[in-house]
Amino acid sequence: GEPRPSFPKIQKANQDSEKPAGEWNEANIFVKDGVITVYINGVYQNTGTNKVKEGYIGLQSEGKEVQFRNVTITPW
């Protein structure tokens, strides 16, 4: 397989809007023309850019157990 790309860390635009452990969070991630905009629980958090136009979508945990539900992908 191909090597995993490195990901830059982008500072959040607003204070942490995640719910306490054990509660569900809603992430809305919009990607268009290489611009990635992230909202957590309805609060804008950051915007990034990437030239990659195709590949895998990864869901990850920050070192703890995590569950995902209702994951949808909607084309523009």
C-alpha atoms as a PDB file:
ATOM      1  CA  GLY A   1       0.000   0.000   0.000  1.00  0.00           C
ATOM      2  CA  GLU A   2       0.885   3.637  -0.269  1.00  0.00           C
ATOM      3  CA  PRO A   3       2.374   5.484   2.716  1.00  0.00           C
ATOM      4  CA  ARG A   4      -0.102   7.375   4.881  1.00  0.00           C
ATOM      5  CA  PRO A   5       0.045  11.131   4.254  1.00  0.00           C
ATOM      6  CA  SER A   6       0.879  13.487   7.118  1.00  0.00           C
ATOM      7  CA  PHE A   7      -1.890  15.797   8.278  1.00  0.00           C
ATOM      8  CA  PRO A   8      -1.257  19.376   9.409  1.00  0.00           C
ATOM      9  CA  LYS A   9      -2.927  20.510  12.623  1.00  0.00           C
ATOM     10  CA  ILE A  10      -5.053  23.624  12.200  1.00  0.00           C
ATOM     11  CA  GLN A  11      -6.006  25.776  15.185  1.00  0.00           C
ATOM     12  CA  LYS A  12      -9.719  25.837  16.036  1.00  0.00           C
ATOM     13  CA  ALA A  13     -11.548  29.079  15.265  1.00  0.00           C
ATOM     14  CA  ASN A  14     -13.799  28.755  18.332  1.00  0.00           C
ATOM     15  CA  GLN A  15     -13.652  27.105  21.727  1.00  0.00           C
ATOM     16  CA  ASP A  16     -14.105  23.358  21.834  1.00  0.00           C
ATOM     17  CA  SER A  17     -17.737  22.517  21.014  1.00  0.00           C
ATOM     18  CA  GLU A  18     -17.536  18.771  21.686  1.00  0.00           C
ATOM     19  CA  LYS A  19     -19.970  17.193  24.139  1.00  0.00           C
ATOM     20  CA  PRO A  20     -18.782  15.271  27.225  1.00  0.00           C
ATOM     21  CA  ALA A  21     -17.581  11.676  26.828  1.00  0.00           C
ATOM     22  CA  GLY A  22     -20.486   9.296  26.340  1.00  0.00           C
ATOM     23  CA  GLU A  23     -22.641  11.775  24.388  1.00  0.00           C
ATOM     24  CA  TRP A  24     -22.954  11.903  20.605  1.00  0.00           C
ATOM     25  CA  ASN A  25     -21.312  14.718  18.653  1.00  0.00           C
ATOM     26  CA  GLU A  26     -22.345  15.897  15.201  1.00  0.00           C
ATOM     27  CA  ALA A  27     -19.607  16.744  12.713  1.00  0.00           C
ATOM     28  CA  ASN A  28     -20.441  18.442   9.424  1.00  0.00           C
ATOM     29  CA  ILE A  29     -17.488  18.497   7.059  1.00  0.00           C
ATOM     30  CA  PHE A  30     -17.813  20.253   3.723  1.00  0.00           C
ATOM     31  CA  VAL A  31     -15.262  19.695   0.944  1.00  0.00           C
ATOM     32  CA  LYS A  32     -15.370  21.648  -2.310  1.00  0.00           C
ATOM     33  CA  ASP A  33     -12.554  22.518  -4.715  1.00  0.00           C
ATOM     34  CA  GLY A  34      -9.893  21.560  -2.159  1.00  0.00           C
ATOM     35  CA  VAL A  35     -11.382  23.669   0.676  1.00  0.00           C
ATOM     36  CA  ILE A  36     -12.409  21.721   3.807  1.00  0.00           C
ATOM     37  CA  THR A  37     -14.717  23.425   6.340  1.00  0.00           C
ATOM     38  CA  VAL A  38     -15.538  21.768   9.681  1.00  0.00           C
ATOM     39  CA  TYR A  39     -18.441  22.360  12.078  1.00  0.00           C
ATOM     40  CA  ILE A  40     -18.761  20.426  15.360  1.00  0.00           C
ATOM     41  CA  ASN A  41     -22.235  20.465  16.933  1.00  0.00           C
ATOM     42  CA  GLY A  42     -23.169  23.431  14.738  1.00  0.00           C
ATOM     43  CA  VAL A  43     -20.125  25.526  15.717  1.00  0.00           C
ATOM     44  CA  TYR A  44     -17.618  26.505  13.008  1.00  0.00           C
ATOM     45  CA  GLN A  45     -14.184  25.178  14.001  1.00  0.00           C
ATOM     46  CA  ASN A  46     -11.784  25.522  11.083  1.00  0.00           C
ATOM     47  CA  THR A  47     -11.062  25.571   7.379  1.00  0.00           C
ATOM     48  CA  GLY A  48      -8.201  23.834   5.635  1.00  0.00           C
ATOM     49  CA  THR A  49      -7.119  23.141   2.090  1.00  0.00           C
ATOM     50  CA  ASN A  50      -5.817  20.107   0.269  1.00  0.00           C
ATOM     51  CA  LYS A  51      -5.044  19.501  -3.393  1.00  0.00           C
ATOM     52  CA  VAL A  52      -5.972  15.805  -3.206  1.00  0.00           C
ATOM     53  CA  LYS A  53      -9.155  15.225  -5.216  1.00  0.00           C
ATOM     54  CA  GLU A  54      -9.623  11.464  -4.766  1.00  0.00           C
ATOM     55  CA  GLY A  55      -8.803   8.675  -2.341  1.00  0.00           C
ATOM     56  CA  TYR A  56     -10.003   7.253   0.937  1.00  0.00           C
ATOM     57  CA  ILE A  57     -12.069   8.878   3.658  1.00  0.00           C
ATOM     58  CA  GLY A  58     -10.705   7.948   7.083  1.00  0.00           C
ATOM     59  CA  LEU A  59     -12.461   8.010  10.450  1.00  0.00           C
ATOM     60  CA  GLN A  60     -10.140   7.912  13.432  1.00  0.00           C
ATOM     61  CA  SER A  61      -9.951   7.952  17.198  1.00  0.00           C
ATOM     62  CA  GLU A  62      -7.531  10.047  19.219  1.00  0.00           C
ATOM     63  CA  GLY A  63      -6.320   6.995  21.149  1.00  0.00           C
ATOM     64  CA  LYS A  64      -9.614   6.052  22.822  1.00  0.00           C
ATOM     65  CA  GLU A  65     -12.551   3.840  21.868  1.00  0.00           C
ATOM     66  CA  VAL A  66     -14.884   5.613  19.454  1.00  0.00           C
ATOM     67  CA  GLN A  67     -18.157   4.809  17.712  1.00  0.00           C
ATOM     68  CA  PHE A  68     -19.571   6.311  14.518  1.00  0.00           C
ATOM     69  CA  ARG A  69     -23.212   6.333  13.430  1.00  0.00           C
ATOM     70  CA  ASN A  70     -25.268   7.884  10.655  1.00  0.00           C
ATOM     71  CA  VAL A  71     -22.255   8.617   8.454  1.00  0.00           C
ATOM     72  CA  THR A  72     -23.457  10.025   5.130  1.00  0.00           C
ATOM     73  CA  ILE A  73     -21.682  11.419   2.114  1.00  0.00           C
ATOM     74  CA  THR A  74     -23.629  13.829  -0.076  1.00  0.00           C
ATOM     75  CA  PRO A  75     -22.194  15.040  -3.403  1.00  0.00           C
ATOM     76  CA  TRP A  76     -22.414  18.749  -4.263  1.00  0.00           C
END
